[in-house]
Each structure stands twice: as structure tokens, then as C-alpha cells.
Amino acid sequence: MLPKDIVVFLEEARPYDRRLAIAADIAACWNACLIAVFVATPLRAMPHAHAVAGPAMRALLKQHRVRVRDAETQVRERFEAMVRARGISAEWRLSESELAEELMLHARYAGLALVPPFESSPEPS
């Protein structure tokens, strides 16, 4: 029995075209629904940033949201173009968490999940 749902995880800061193309080709071949999960890069801040408030912090958060939204739009346009080209059903999701437990909830009921290779993350800026 072939999977009915395939989930692929996409990130703005890492190459995703090859992974997305493979997932789309498999979905087309198996007549499966392709689910893309865009993993938004979290704002990396100082260890005690939760205690910081004020106009500078609000401006920083706004700038981060705009950057994430723009990155998501770019990746989503590429995803939708591949879906249209292959004539497959699809779903788009946004994850604002990098926690493995939360990300795996997206893949739990899918027949196949395509994830990027593990890379150690750089030090927080």
C-alpha cells in the first residue's frame, strides 16, 4: 500500500529545492498529498531577552516577523509552482518551533516524511 500523505520539511536558511522536488515527484508518482512544513527560523536573542521590553525590542520582533514572512512567501511560491506543475494535491503549514517533538507531530500520520540532513546549528547571534 502506497502512502497517501507525504510531508516535507522546508527551511529558509538551508537548501530545499532538491528535497522538495523529490517529495513532489514521489507524491505525483504515488498520487499522494504533499504536505510542506515551513520551519521558521526563531529569533535568537540573549539568554535573558525574555526580560527585555521597550521600543527597540518591539522593532526587533517586528523586523524578525517581516523577515520570516518574506522567507515563507518565497518558499511557498516555489512549493506551489511545483505542485501546479505536477498536478498534485497539497497542503502548506507553518511551524514557528524547531522543537523535534512539535515538528514530528506534522509527520506522525503521514506515510513518508522527508527531513533535511542533520547539521549542528551555529552559535546563537
Protein backbone atom coordinates (compact mmCIF):
# COMPACT_ATOMS: atom_id res chain seq x y z
CA MET A 1 0.00 0.00 0.00
CA LEU A 2 1.41 3.38 -1.02
CA PRO A 3 1.39 6.34 1.39
CA LYS A 4 -1.48 8.77 0.96
CA ASP A 5 0.37 11.68 2.59
CA ILE A 6 3.97 12.81 2.27
CA VAL A 7 5.37 15.54 4.49
CA VAL A 8 8.47 17.55 3.63
CA PHE A 9 10.19 19.98 5.98
CA LEU A 10 11.50 23.21 4.43
CA GLU A 11 13.67 25.90 5.95
CA GLU A 12 14.67 29.32 4.72
CA ALA A 13 18.36 29.11 5.59
CA ARG A 14 19.08 25.69 4.09
CA PRO A 15 18.85 24.37 0.55
CA TYR A 16 15.45 22.81 0.00
CA ASP A 17 14.91 22.66 -3.79
CA ARG A 18 16.21 19.11 -4.24
CA ARG A 19 14.29 17.78 -1.22
CA LEU A 20 11.11 19.50 -2.37
CA ALA A 21 11.46 18.23 -5.95
CA ILE A 22 11.99 14.65 -4.74
CA ALA A 23 8.96 14.88 -2.44
CA ALA A 24 6.82 16.34 -5.23
CA ASP A 25 7.93 13.63 -7.68
CA ILE A 26 7.12 10.88 -5.18
CA ALA A 27 3.72 12.45 -4.42
CA ALA A 28 2.93 12.62 -8.14
CA CYS A 29 4.05 9.03 -8.71
CA TRP A 30 2.06 7.70 -5.75
CA ASN A 31 -0.91 10.07 -6.19
CA ALA A 32 -0.34 11.27 -2.64
CA CYS A 33 -1.00 14.61 -0.95
CA LEU A 34 2.18 16.62 -0.41
CA ILE A 35 2.32 18.46 2.90
CA ALA A 36 5.02 21.13 3.22
CA VAL A 37 6.00 22.36 6.67
CA PHE A 38 7.95 25.61 6.60
CA VAL A 39 10.09 25.77 9.73
CA ALA A 40 10.53 29.44 10.61
CA THR A 41 13.92 30.36 11.97
CA PRO A 42 13.40 31.55 15.54
CA LEU A 43 14.75 34.84 16.75
CA ARG A 44 17.94 34.07 18.60
CA ALA A 45 18.49 36.53 21.39
CA MET A 46 20.42 36.94 24.58
CA PRO A 47 19.73 34.42 27.36
CA HIS A 48 17.74 36.97 29.36
CA ALA A 49 15.86 38.52 26.42
CA HIS A 50 12.51 37.49 27.92
CA ALA A 51 13.03 40.27 30.47
CA VAL A 52 13.69 42.93 27.83
CA ALA A 53 10.90 45.29 26.78
CA GLY A 54 10.53 48.59 25.03
CA PRO A 55 10.51 50.11 21.57
CA ALA A 56 13.83 48.59 20.49
CA MET A 57 12.64 45.06 21.31
CA ARG A 58 9.30 45.66 19.57
CA ALA A 59 11.16 46.91 16.49
CA LEU A 60 13.44 43.86 16.55
CA LEU A 61 10.48 41.49 16.82
CA LYS A 62 8.64 43.28 14.01
CA GLN A 63 11.72 43.10 11.78
CA HIS A 64 12.06 39.38 12.53
CA ARG A 65 8.38 38.70 11.70
CA VAL A 66 8.73 40.55 8.40
CA ARG A 67 11.86 38.57 7.50
CA VAL A 68 10.19 35.25 8.34
CA ARG A 69 7.05 36.21 6.41
CA ASP A 70 9.09 37.18 3.35
CA ALA A 71 11.11 33.96 3.51
CA GLU A 72 7.94 31.89 3.91
CA THR A 73 6.37 33.62 0.91
CA GLN A 74 9.39 32.86 -1.25
CA VAL A 75 9.50 29.19 -0.26
CA ARG A 76 5.72 28.83 -0.58
CA GLU A 77 5.76 30.24 -4.11
CA ARG A 78 8.34 27.62 -5.12
CA PHE A 79 6.27 24.90 -3.45
CA GLU A 80 3.05 25.98 -5.17
CA ALA A 81 4.80 26.12 -8.55
CA MET A 82 5.99 22.53 -8.15
CA VAL A 83 2.56 21.38 -7.02
CA ARG A 84 0.88 23.04 -10.03
CA ALA A 85 3.46 21.63 -12.45
CA ARG A 86 2.85 18.10 -11.21
CA GLY A 87 -0.90 18.40 -10.67
CA ILE A 88 -0.82 17.04 -7.14
CA SER A 89 -2.88 17.84 -4.07
CA ALA A 90 -1.02 19.74 -1.41
CA GLU A 91 -1.16 21.46 1.94
CA TRP A 92 1.02 24.24 3.38
CA ARG A 93 1.85 24.52 7.07
CA LEU A 94 3.95 26.92 9.13
CA SER A 95 5.87 25.82 12.22
CA GLU A 96 7.31 28.53 14.43
CA SER A 97 9.04 25.94 16.58
CA GLU A 98 12.22 23.97 15.97
CA LEU A 99 11.49 21.51 18.77
CA ALA A 100 11.68 17.96 17.44
CA GLU A 101 8.56 16.87 19.32
CA GLU A 102 6.48 19.63 17.76
CA LEU A 103 7.87 19.08 14.27
CA MET A 104 7.24 15.36 14.40
CA LEU A 105 3.56 16.00 15.11
CA HIS A 106 3.35 17.09 11.47
CA ALA A 107 4.80 13.77 10.30
CA ARG A 108 3.10 11.44 12.75
CA TYR A 109 0.22 10.44 10.48
CA ALA A 110 1.98 10.81 7.13
CA GLY A 111 3.14 7.73 5.29
CA LEU A 112 6.52 9.28 4.49
CA ALA A 113 8.49 12.25 5.85
CA LEU A 114 11.40 13.92 4.10
CA VAL A 115 13.63 15.81 6.52
CA PRO A 116 16.82 17.75 5.94
CA PRO A 117 20.09 16.13 6.97
CA PHE A 118 21.25 16.93 10.47
CA GLU A 119 23.65 19.81 10.83
CA SER A 120 24.78 21.27 14.09
CA SER A 121 23.33 24.72 14.43
CA PRO A 122 25.60 27.74 14.65
CA GLU A 123 26.02 29.60 17.88
CA PRO A 124 23.11 31.97 18.61
CA SER A 125 23.82 35.51 17.48
